[in-house]
Amino acid sequence: MKITKDMLIGDVLRVRPDAVAILMSFGMGCVGCPSAQMESLEQAAVVHGINLDELLNKLNEGLE
């Protein structure tokens, strides 16, 4: 399953549990906070000033 910008962070972690390390390496230290469960990857990238395309590329590595 491909990870998309519209996916909630909680859903991303269910699809790819190792995404915690990837998200944290991009500066998303609050992966476990309650708002992360209701926030899309796109919203989180905007809030944290992260390049969304780079994040999606990294999250989708090896999922094809």
PDB file of N, CA and C in Angstrom:
ATOM      1  N   MET A   1       0.842  -1.181   0.000  1.00  0.00           N
ATOM      2  CA  MET A   1       0.000   0.000   0.000  1.00  0.00           C
ATOM      3  C   MET A   1       0.888   1.245   0.000  1.00  0.00           C
ATOM      4  N   LYS A   2       0.640   2.120  -0.943  1.00  0.00           N
ATOM      5  CA  LYS A   2       1.434   3.349  -1.056  1.00  0.00           C
ATOM      6  C   LYS A   2       0.955   4.374  -0.027  1.00  0.00           C
ATOM      7  N   ILE A   3       1.910   5.037   0.596  1.00  0.00           N
ATOM      8  CA  ILE A   3       1.613   6.087   1.566  1.00  0.00           C
ATOM      9  C   ILE A   3       1.424   7.394   0.803  1.00  0.00           C
ATOM     10  N   THR A   4       0.325   8.101   1.119  1.00  0.00           N
ATOM     11  CA  THR A   4      -0.003   9.340   0.420  1.00  0.00           C
ATOM     12  C   THR A   4      -0.051  10.513   1.402  1.00  0.00           C
ATOM     13  N   LYS A   5      -0.054  11.714   0.856  1.00  0.00           N
ATOM     14  CA  LYS A   5      -0.059  12.922   1.673  1.00  0.00           C
ATOM     15  C   LYS A   5      -1.327  13.071   2.491  1.00  0.00           C
ATOM     16  N   ASP A   6      -2.412  12.445   2.055  1.00  0.00           N
ATOM     17  CA  ASP A   6      -3.695  12.568   2.737  1.00  0.00           C
ATOM     18  C   ASP A   6      -3.874  11.582   3.893  1.00  0.00           C
ATOM     19  N   MET A   7      -2.955  10.633   4.013  1.00  0.00           N
ATOM     20  CA  MET A   7      -3.074   9.638   5.080  1.00  0.00           C
ATOM     21  C   MET A   7      -2.808  10.265   6.441  1.00  0.00           C
ATOM     22  N   LEU A   8      -3.579   9.829   7.425  1.00  0.00           N
ATOM     23  CA  LEU A   8      -3.328  10.267   8.793  1.00  0.00           C
ATOM     24  C   LEU A   8      -2.061   9.600   9.298  1.00  0.00           C
ATOM     25  N   ILE A   9      -1.339  10.292  10.156  1.00  0.00           N
ATOM     26  CA  ILE A   9      -0.091   9.746  10.679  1.00  0.00           C
ATOM     27  C   ILE A   9      -0.342   8.406  11.373  1.00  0.00           C
ATOM     28  N   GLY A  10      -1.427   8.303  12.099  1.00  0.00           N
ATOM     29  CA  GLY A  10      -1.759   7.039  12.761  1.00  0.00           C
ATOM     30  C   GLY A  10      -1.914   5.904  11.768  1.00  0.00           C
ATOM     31  N   ASP A  11      -2.517   6.185  10.613  1.00  0.00           N
ATOM     32  CA  ASP A  11      -2.690   5.155   9.578  1.00  0.00           C
ATOM     33  C   ASP A  11      -1.352   4.786   8.953  1.00  0.00           C
ATOM     34  N   VAL A  12      -0.490   5.778   8.760  1.00  0.00           N
ATOM     35  CA  VAL A  12       0.843   5.517   8.214  1.00  0.00           C
ATOM     36  C   VAL A  12       1.584   4.548   9.140  1.00  0.00           C
ATOM     37  N   LEU A  13       1.482   4.771  10.445  1.00  0.00           N
ATOM     38  CA  LEU A  13       2.184   3.915  11.398  1.00  0.00           C
ATOM     39  C   LEU A  13       1.612   2.504  11.425  1.00  0.00           C
ATOM     40  N   ARG A  14       0.340   2.351  11.133  1.00  0.00           N
ATOM     41  CA  ARG A  14      -0.244   1.000  11.051  1.00  0.00           C
ATOM     42  C   ARG A  14       0.241   0.269   9.799  1.00  0.00           C
ATOM     43  N   VAL A  15       0.390   1.011   8.692  1.00  0.00           N
ATOM     44  CA  VAL A  15       0.869   0.425   7.440  1.00  0.00           C
ATOM     45  C   VAL A  15       2.363   0.119   7.521  1.00  0.00           C
ATOM     46  N   ARG A  16       3.089   1.035   8.147  1.00  0.00           N
ATOM     47  CA  ARG A  16       4.548   0.918   8.213  1.00  0.00           C
ATOM     48  C   ARG A  16       5.035   1.302   9.610  1.00  0.00           C
ATOM     49  N   PRO A  17       5.054   0.340  10.528  1.00  0.00           N
ATOM     50  CA  PRO A  17       5.454   0.637  11.911  1.00  0.00           C
ATOM     51  C   PRO A  17       6.843   1.273  12.046  1.00  0.00           C
ATOM     52  N   ASP A  18       7.738   0.977  11.130  1.00  0.00           N
ATOM     53  CA  ASP A  18       9.076   1.567  11.199  1.00  0.00           C
ATOM     54  C   ASP A  18       9.096   3.028  10.761  1.00  0.00           C
ATOM     55  N   ALA A  19       7.938   3.558  10.389  1.00  0.00           N
ATOM     56  CA  ALA A  19       7.851   4.959   9.974  1.00  0.00           C
ATOM     57  C   ALA A  19       8.157   5.920  11.119  1.00  0.00           C
ATOM     58  N   VAL A  20       8.060   5.462  12.352  1.00  0.00           N
ATOM     59  CA  VAL A  20       8.374   6.330  13.494  1.00  0.00           C
ATOM     60  C   VAL A  20       9.778   6.901  13.345  1.00  0.00           C
ATOM     61  N   ALA A  21      10.734   6.048  13.050  1.00  0.00           N
ATOM     62  CA  ALA A  21      12.129   6.504  12.908  1.00  0.00           C
ATOM     63  C   ALA A  21      12.277   7.465  11.736  1.00  0.00           C
ATOM     64  N   ILE A  22      11.569   7.188  10.652  1.00  0.00           N
ATOM     65  CA  ILE A  22      11.639   8.056   9.476  1.00  0.00           C
ATOM     66  C   ILE A  22      11.053   9.428   9.796  1.00  0.00           C
ATOM     67  N   LEU A  23       9.872   9.437  10.395  1.00  0.00           N
ATOM     68  CA  LEU A  23       9.224  10.704  10.746  1.00  0.00           C
ATOM     69  C   LEU A  23      10.088  11.512  11.715  1.00  0.00           C
ATOM     70  N   MET A  24      10.656  10.842  12.704  1.00  0.00           N
ATOM     71  CA  MET A  24      11.500  11.550  13.675  1.00  0.00           C
ATOM     72  C   MET A  24      12.768  12.097  13.010  1.00  0.00           C
ATOM     73  N   SER A  25      13.296  11.372  12.036  1.00  0.00           N
ATOM     74  CA  SER A  25      14.502  11.858  11.350  1.00  0.00           C
ATOM     75  C   SER A  25      14.214  13.117  10.538  1.00  0.00           C
ATOM     76  N   PHE A  26      12.949  13.334  10.194  1.00  0.00           N
ATOM     77  CA  PHE A  26      12.540  14.537   9.476  1.00  0.00           C
ATOM     78  C   PHE A  26      12.134  15.669  10.426  1.00  0.00           C
ATOM     79  N   GLY A  27      12.199  15.415  11.724  1.00  0.00           N
ATOM     80  CA  GLY A  27      11.892  16.459  12.692  1.00  0.00           C
ATOM     81  C   GLY A  27      10.509  16.399  13.288  1.00  0.00           C
ATOM     82  N   MET A  28       9.800  15.309  13.066  1.00  0.00           N
ATOM     83  CA  MET A  28       8.475  15.135  13.669  1.00  0.00           C
ATOM     84  C   MET A  28       8.631  14.344  14.968  1.00  0.00           C
ATOM     85  N   GLY A  29       8.960  15.050  16.022  1.00  0.00           N
ATOM     86  CA  GLY A  29       9.202  14.403  17.307  1.00  0.00           C
ATOM     87  C   GLY A  29       7.943  14.047  18.066  1.00  0.00           C
ATOM     88  N   CYS A  30       6.809  14.549  17.634  1.00  0.00           N
ATOM     89  CA  CYS A  30       5.573  14.312  18.387  1.00  0.00           C
ATOM     90  C   CYS A  30       4.710  13.239  17.725  1.00  0.00           C
ATOM     91  N   VAL A  31       5.342  12.215  17.191  1.00  0.00           N
ATOM     92  CA  VAL A  31       4.635  11.146  16.481  1.00  0.00           C
ATOM     93  C   VAL A  31       3.580  10.484  17.365  1.00  0.00           C
ATOM     94  N   GLY A  32       3.834  10.377  18.655  1.00  0.00           N
ATOM     95  CA  GLY A  32       2.901   9.704  19.548  1.00  0.00           C
ATOM     96  C   GLY A  32       1.861  10.604  20.188  1.00  0.00           C
ATOM     97  N   CYS A  33       1.886  11.896  19.902  1.00  0.00           N
ATOM     98  CA  CYS A  33       0.934  12.796  20.545  1.00  0.00           C
ATOM     99  C   CYS A  33      -0.470  12.603  19.952  1.00  0.00           C
ATOM    100  N   PRO A  34      -1.499  12.907  20.724  1.00  0.00           N
ATOM    101  CA  PRO A  34      -2.879  12.679  20.255  1.00  0.00           C
ATOM    102  C   PRO A  34      -3.220  13.375  18.942  1.00  0.00           C
ATOM    103  N   SER A  35      -2.714  14.565  18.714  1.00  0.00           N
ATOM    104  CA  SER A  35      -3.051  15.259  17.468  1.00  0.00           C
ATOM    105  C   SER A  35      -2.449  14.558  16.254  1.00  0.00           C
ATOM    106  N   ALA A  36      -1.371  13.817  16.437  1.00  0.00           N
ATOM    107  CA  ALA A  36      -0.763  13.097  15.323  1.00  0.00           C
ATOM    108  C   ALA A  36      -1.707  12.028  14.785  1.00  0.00           C
ATOM    109  N   GLN A  37      -2.598  11.542  15.608  1.00  0.00           N
ATOM    110  CA  GLN A  37      -3.540  10.522  15.170  1.00  0.00           C
ATOM    111  C   GLN A  37      -4.623  11.112  14.264  1.00  0.00           C
ATOM    112  N   MET A  38      -4.808  12.422  14.301  1.00  0.00           N
ATOM    113  CA  MET A  38      -5.848  13.078  13.502  1.00  0.00           C
ATOM    114  C   MET A  38      -5.273  14.012  12.449  1.00  0.00           C
ATOM    115  N   GLU A  39      -3.967  14.009  12.287  1.00  0.00           N
ATOM    116  CA  GLU A  39      -3.296  14.933  11.378  1.00  0.00           C
ATOM    117  C   GLU A  39      -2.776  14.172  10.161  1.00  0.00           C
ATOM    118  N   SER A  40      -2.984  14.728   8.980  1.00  0.00           N
ATOM    119  CA  SER A  40      -2.465  14.083   7.767  1.00  0.00           C
ATOM    120  C   SER A  40      -0.966  14.369   7.641  1.00  0.00           C
ATOM    121  N   LEU A  41      -0.318  13.585   6.808  1.00  0.00           N
ATOM    122  CA  LEU A  41       1.108  13.826   6.560  1.00  0.00           C
ATOM    123  C   LEU A  41       1.330  15.220   5.990  1.00  0.00           C
ATOM    124  N   GLU A  42       0.441  15.637   5.112  1.00  0.00           N
ATOM    125  CA  GLU A  42       0.571  16.965   4.509  1.00  0.00           C
ATOM    126  C   GLU A  42       0.462  18.060   5.576  1.00  0.00           C
ATOM    127  N   GLN A  43      -0.508  17.940   6.467  1.00  0.00           N
ATOM    128  CA  GLN A  43      -0.681  18.938   7.527  1.00  0.00           C
ATOM    129  C   GLN A  43       0.553  18.970   8.432  1.00  0.00           C
ATOM    130  N   ALA A  44       1.041  17.797   8.795  1.00  0.00           N
ATOM    131  CA  ALA A  44       2.213  17.729   9.673  1.00  0.00           C
ATOM    132  C   ALA A  44       3.443  18.316   8.990  1.00  0.00           C
ATOM    133  N   ALA A  45       3.595  18.056   7.701  1.00  0.00           N
ATOM    134  CA  ALA A  45       4.744  18.595   6.969  1.00  0.00           C
ATOM    135  C   ALA A  45       4.710  20.114   6.960  1.00  0.00           C
ATOM    136  N   VAL A  46       3.533  20.684   6.764  1.00  0.00           N
ATOM    137  CA  VAL A  46       3.394  22.144   6.758  1.00  0.00           C
ATOM    138  C   VAL A  46       3.742  22.707   8.132  1.00  0.00           C
ATOM    139  N   VAL A  47       3.190  22.113   9.181  1.00  0.00           N
ATOM    140  CA  VAL A  47       3.419  22.596  10.550  1.00  0.00           C
ATOM    141  C   VAL A  47       4.901  22.537  10.920  1.00  0.00           C
ATOM    142  N   HIS A  48       5.574  21.478  10.475  1.00  0.00           N
ATOM    143  CA  HIS A  48       6.977  21.281  10.856  1.00  0.00           C
ATOM    144  C   HIS A  48       7.967  21.803   9.819  1.00  0.00           C
ATOM    145  N   GLY A  49       7.471  22.386   8.722  1.00  0.00           N
ATOM    146  CA  GLY A  49       8.359  22.934   7.693  1.00  0.00           C
ATOM    147  C   GLY A  49       9.163  21.867   6.976  1.00  0.00           C
ATOM    148  N   ILE A  50       8.526  20.727   6.700  1.00  0.00           N
ATOM    149  CA  ILE A  50       9.202  19.586   6.087  1.00  0.00           C
ATOM    150  C   ILE A  50       8.807  19.503   4.613  1.00  0.00           C
ATOM    151  N   ASN A  51       9.768  19.138   3.767  1.00  0.00           N
ATOM    152  CA  ASN A  51       9.495  18.930   2.351  1.00  0.00           C
ATOM    153  C   ASN A  51       8.669  17.654   2.208  1.00  0.00           C
ATOM    154  N   LEU A  52       7.425  17.801   1.813  1.00  0.00           N
ATOM    155  CA  LEU A  52       6.491  16.683   1.744  1.00  0.00           C
ATOM    156  C   LEU A  52       6.921  15.635   0.732  1.00  0.00           C
ATOM    157  N   ASP A  53       7.409  16.053  -0.422  1.00  0.00           N
ATOM    158  CA  ASP A  53       7.828  15.089  -1.441  1.00  0.00           C
ATOM    159  C   ASP A  53       8.978  14.213  -0.952  1.00  0.00           C
ATOM    160  N   GLU A  54       9.950  14.816  -0.272  1.00  0.00           N
ATOM    161  CA  GLU A  54      11.069  14.045   0.269  1.00  0.00           C
ATOM    162  C   GLU A  54      10.582  13.047   1.321  1.00  0.00           C
ATOM    163  N   LEU A  55       9.672  13.498   2.183  1.00  0.00           N
ATOM    164  CA  LEU A  55       9.133  12.625   3.222  1.00  0.00           C
ATOM    165  C   LEU A  55       8.384  11.451   2.604  1.00  0.00           C
ATOM    166  N   LEU A  56       7.523  11.719   1.628  1.00  0.00           N
ATOM    167  CA  LEU A  56       6.771  10.641   0.984  1.00  0.00           C
ATOM    168  C   LEU A  56       7.691   9.663   0.270  1.00  0.00           C
ATOM    169  N   ASN A  57       8.721  10.168  -0.387  1.00  0.00           N
ATOM    170  CA  ASN A  57       9.680   9.281  -1.057  1.00  0.00           C
ATOM    171  C   ASN A  57      10.333   8.341  -0.058  1.00  0.00           C
ATOM    172  N   LYS A  58      10.743   8.870   1.060  1.00  0.00           N
ATOM    173  CA  LYS A  58      11.398   8.049   2.089  1.00  0.00           C
ATOM    174  C   LYS A  58      10.425   7.035   2.674  1.00  0.00           C
ATOM    175  N   LEU A  59       9.196   7.463   2.963  1.00  0.00           N
ATOM    176  CA  LEU A  59       8.204   6.566   3.555  1.00  0.00           C
ATOM    177  C   LEU A  59       7.795   5.448   2.586  1.00  0.00           C
ATOM    178  N   ASN A  60       7.856   5.705   1.317  1.00  0.00           N
ATOM    179  CA  ASN A  60       7.437   4.714   0.327  1.00  0.00           C
ATOM    180  C   ASN A  60       8.580   3.824  -0.178  1.00  0.00           C
ATOM    181  N   GLU A  61       9.815   4.086   0.267  1.00  0.00           N
ATOM    182  CA  GLU A  61      10.935   3.246  -0.135  1.00  0.00           C
ATOM    183  C   GLU A  61      10.671   1.811   0.305  1.00  0.00           C
ATOM    184  N   GLY A  62      10.798   0.894  -0.624  1.00  0.00           N
ATOM    185  CA  GLY A  62      10.644  -0.521  -0.312  1.00  0.00           C
ATOM    186  C   GLY A  62       9.207  -1.001  -0.195  1.00  0.00           C
ATOM    187  N   LEU A  63       8.229  -0.138  -0.397  1.00  0.00           N
ATOM    188  CA  LEU A  63       6.825  -0.565  -0.303  1.00  0.00           C
ATOM    189  C   LEU A  63       6.249  -1.001  -1.646  1.00  0.00           C
ATOM    190  N   GLU A  64       6.925  -0.681  -2.722  1.00  0.00           N
ATOM    191  CA  GLU A  64       6.389  -1.023  -4.033  1.00  0.00           C
ATOM    192  C   GLU A  64       6.391  -2.496  -4.263  1.00  0.00           C
TER     193      GLU A  64
END
